[in-house]
Amino acid sequence: MPKMKTKSSVKKRFSLTASGKVRRSYAGKQHGMIKRTNKQIRNHRGTTLMSDADAKIIKKFMPYG
């Protein structure tokens, strides 16, 4: 049997933690920072964990983790 392929868009946007949770970056940080408040920019720094329901969907596209 051929190997299953990881979805390219998922491999670029998400990563798994050691415990198997899905890590993602915050939305709305690519451009247009002048419109955002300083609080928004500050709070959207770094990464966060996805909710369990959404992570379940993402894991289907990452067959090998």
N, C-alpha and C. Protein backbone atom coordinates (compact mmCIF):
# COMPACT_ATOMS: atom_id res chain seq x y z
N MET A 1 0.84 -1.19 0.00
CA MET A 1 0.00 0.00 0.00
C MET A 1 0.88 1.26 0.00
N PRO A 2 0.45 2.28 -0.72
CA PRO A 2 1.22 3.53 -0.68
C PRO A 2 1.04 4.25 0.65
N LYS A 3 1.98 5.12 0.94
CA LYS A 3 1.89 5.91 2.17
C LYS A 3 0.80 6.97 2.02
N MET A 4 0.19 7.34 3.15
CA MET A 4 -0.77 8.43 3.15
C MET A 4 -0.01 9.75 3.15
N LYS A 5 -0.56 10.74 2.47
CA LYS A 5 0.10 12.04 2.41
C LYS A 5 -0.48 12.99 3.45
N THR A 6 0.42 13.79 4.04
CA THR A 6 -0.01 14.85 4.94
C THR A 6 -0.48 16.03 4.10
N LYS A 7 -1.59 16.65 4.49
CA LYS A 7 -2.10 17.82 3.78
C LYS A 7 -1.07 18.95 3.87
N SER A 8 -0.67 19.49 2.73
CA SER A 8 0.40 20.50 2.70
C SER A 8 0.03 21.75 3.51
N SER A 9 -1.23 22.17 3.43
CA SER A 9 -1.63 23.37 4.16
C SER A 9 -1.56 23.15 5.66
N VAL A 10 -1.86 21.94 6.11
CA VAL A 10 -1.82 21.63 7.54
C VAL A 10 -0.38 21.57 8.04
N LYS A 11 0.49 21.02 7.23
CA LYS A 11 1.89 20.89 7.65
C LYS A 11 2.55 22.25 7.83
N LYS A 12 2.08 23.26 7.07
CA LYS A 12 2.64 24.60 7.17
C LYS A 12 2.07 25.38 8.36
N ARG A 13 0.84 25.07 8.76
CA ARG A 13 0.15 25.92 9.73
C ARG A 13 0.08 25.37 11.15
N PHE A 14 0.21 24.06 11.32
CA PHE A 14 0.00 23.45 12.63
C PHE A 14 1.17 22.55 12.99
N SER A 15 1.36 22.34 14.30
CA SER A 15 2.33 21.35 14.76
C SER A 15 1.76 20.66 15.98
N LEU A 16 2.29 19.50 16.29
CA LEU A 16 1.82 18.73 17.44
C LEU A 16 2.76 18.91 18.62
N THR A 17 2.20 18.95 19.82
CA THR A 17 3.00 18.98 21.03
C THR A 17 3.39 17.54 21.38
N ALA A 18 4.22 17.38 22.38
CA ALA A 18 4.66 16.04 22.79
C ALA A 18 3.49 15.20 23.31
N SER A 19 2.48 15.87 23.89
CA SER A 19 1.34 15.14 24.41
C SER A 19 0.26 14.91 23.36
N GLY A 20 0.49 15.40 22.13
CA GLY A 20 -0.44 15.13 21.04
C GLY A 20 -1.47 16.22 20.80
N LYS A 21 -1.33 17.35 21.46
CA LYS A 21 -2.26 18.46 21.22
C LYS A 21 -1.78 19.24 19.99
N VAL A 22 -2.69 19.99 19.38
CA VAL A 22 -2.36 20.73 18.16
C VAL A 22 -2.06 22.18 18.51
N ARG A 23 -0.89 22.65 18.08
CA ARG A 23 -0.47 24.03 18.31
C ARG A 23 -0.72 24.84 17.05
N ARG A 24 -1.23 26.05 17.22
CA ARG A 24 -1.48 26.93 16.08
C ARG A 24 -1.07 28.35 16.43
N SER A 25 -0.89 29.17 15.38
CA SER A 25 -0.64 30.58 15.62
C SER A 25 -1.96 31.33 15.57
N TYR A 26 -1.96 32.54 16.06
CA TYR A 26 -3.17 33.35 16.09
C TYR A 26 -3.49 33.89 14.70
N ALA A 27 -4.76 34.08 14.42
CA ALA A 27 -5.19 34.65 13.14
C ALA A 27 -5.09 36.17 13.20
N GLY A 28 -5.01 36.79 12.01
CA GLY A 28 -5.04 38.24 11.92
C GLY A 28 -3.73 38.91 12.24
N LYS A 29 -2.60 38.28 11.92
CA LYS A 29 -1.30 38.87 12.24
C LYS A 29 -0.41 39.05 11.00
N GLN A 30 -0.95 38.89 9.81
CA GLN A 30 -0.11 38.95 8.61
C GLN A 30 0.05 40.38 8.09
N HIS A 31 -1.00 41.16 8.15
CA HIS A 31 -0.92 42.53 7.65
C HIS A 31 -2.02 43.35 8.33
N GLY A 32 -1.99 44.68 8.12
CA GLY A 32 -3.01 45.54 8.69
C GLY A 32 -2.86 45.76 10.19
N MET A 33 -1.62 45.78 10.68
CA MET A 33 -1.41 45.96 12.12
C MET A 33 -1.82 47.35 12.60
N ILE A 34 -1.85 48.32 11.68
CA ILE A 34 -2.20 49.70 12.06
C ILE A 34 -3.64 49.76 12.56
N LYS A 35 -4.49 48.85 12.08
CA LYS A 35 -5.90 48.83 12.49
C LYS A 35 -6.09 48.16 13.84
N ARG A 36 -5.18 47.30 14.22
CA ARG A 36 -5.34 46.53 15.45
C ARG A 36 -4.92 47.37 16.66
N THR A 37 -5.54 47.10 17.78
CA THR A 37 -5.11 47.78 19.00
C THR A 37 -3.82 47.15 19.49
N ASN A 38 -3.10 47.89 20.31
CA ASN A 38 -1.85 47.36 20.86
C ASN A 38 -2.12 46.13 21.71
N LYS A 39 -3.27 46.10 22.37
CA LYS A 39 -3.63 44.95 23.19
C LYS A 39 -3.82 43.70 22.33
N GLN A 40 -4.46 43.87 21.17
CA GLN A 40 -4.65 42.73 20.27
C GLN A 40 -3.31 42.19 19.79
N ILE A 41 -2.45 43.10 19.36
CA ILE A 41 -1.13 42.70 18.85
C ILE A 41 -0.35 41.96 19.93
N ARG A 42 -0.41 42.47 21.15
CA ARG A 42 0.31 41.87 22.27
C ARG A 42 -0.25 40.49 22.62
N ASN A 43 -1.58 40.37 22.64
CA ASN A 43 -2.20 39.11 23.04
C ASN A 43 -2.09 38.03 21.97
N HIS A 44 -1.87 38.41 20.72
CA HIS A 44 -1.77 37.43 19.64
C HIS A 44 -0.33 37.03 19.32
N ARG A 45 0.58 37.38 20.20
CA ARG A 45 1.97 37.00 20.03
C ARG A 45 2.14 35.51 20.32
N GLY A 46 3.01 34.83 19.61
CA GLY A 46 3.30 33.43 19.91
C GLY A 46 2.24 32.48 19.38
N THR A 47 2.05 31.37 20.08
CA THR A 47 1.13 30.32 19.63
C THR A 47 0.16 29.96 20.75
N THR A 48 -0.85 29.17 20.38
CA THR A 48 -1.83 28.70 21.35
C THR A 48 -2.24 27.29 20.97
N LEU A 49 -2.98 26.62 21.84
CA LEU A 49 -3.46 25.28 21.56
C LEU A 49 -4.88 25.33 21.01
N MET A 50 -5.18 24.42 20.10
CA MET A 50 -6.52 24.37 19.53
C MET A 50 -7.47 23.65 20.47
N SER A 51 -8.76 23.95 20.32
CA SER A 51 -9.76 23.23 21.10
C SER A 51 -9.80 21.78 20.63
N ASP A 52 -10.28 20.90 21.49
CA ASP A 52 -10.29 19.47 21.18
C ASP A 52 -11.11 19.15 19.93
N ALA A 53 -12.25 19.82 19.77
CA ALA A 53 -13.11 19.56 18.63
C ALA A 53 -12.42 19.93 17.31
N ASP A 54 -11.75 21.08 17.29
CA ASP A 54 -11.05 21.51 16.08
C ASP A 54 -9.79 20.68 15.84
N ALA A 55 -9.11 20.31 16.91
CA ALA A 55 -7.89 19.52 16.78
C ALA A 55 -8.18 18.15 16.18
N LYS A 56 -9.34 17.61 16.47
CA LYS A 56 -9.74 16.31 15.93
C LYS A 56 -9.80 16.35 14.40
N ILE A 57 -10.30 17.46 13.86
CA ILE A 57 -10.39 17.63 12.41
C ILE A 57 -8.99 17.74 11.81
N ILE A 58 -8.13 18.51 12.43
CA ILE A 58 -6.79 18.75 11.92
C ILE A 58 -5.97 17.45 11.93
N LYS A 59 -6.15 16.63 12.96
CA LYS A 59 -5.36 15.41 13.07
C LYS A 59 -5.66 14.40 11.95
N LYS A 60 -6.86 14.50 11.36
CA LYS A 60 -7.17 13.63 10.22
C LYS A 60 -6.29 13.91 9.02
N PHE A 61 -5.83 15.16 8.90
CA PHE A 61 -4.98 15.55 7.79
C PHE A 61 -3.50 15.32 8.08
N MET A 62 -3.17 14.88 9.31
CA MET A 62 -1.78 14.61 9.69
C MET A 62 -1.66 13.15 10.10
N PRO A 63 -1.64 12.24 9.15
CA PRO A 63 -1.68 10.82 9.51
C PRO A 63 -0.48 10.33 10.32
N TYR A 64 0.68 10.98 10.17
CA TYR A 64 1.87 10.52 10.87
C TYR A 64 2.34 11.49 11.95
N GLY A 65 1.50 12.43 12.30
CA GLY A 65 1.82 13.33 13.40
C GLY A 65 2.73 14.46 13.07
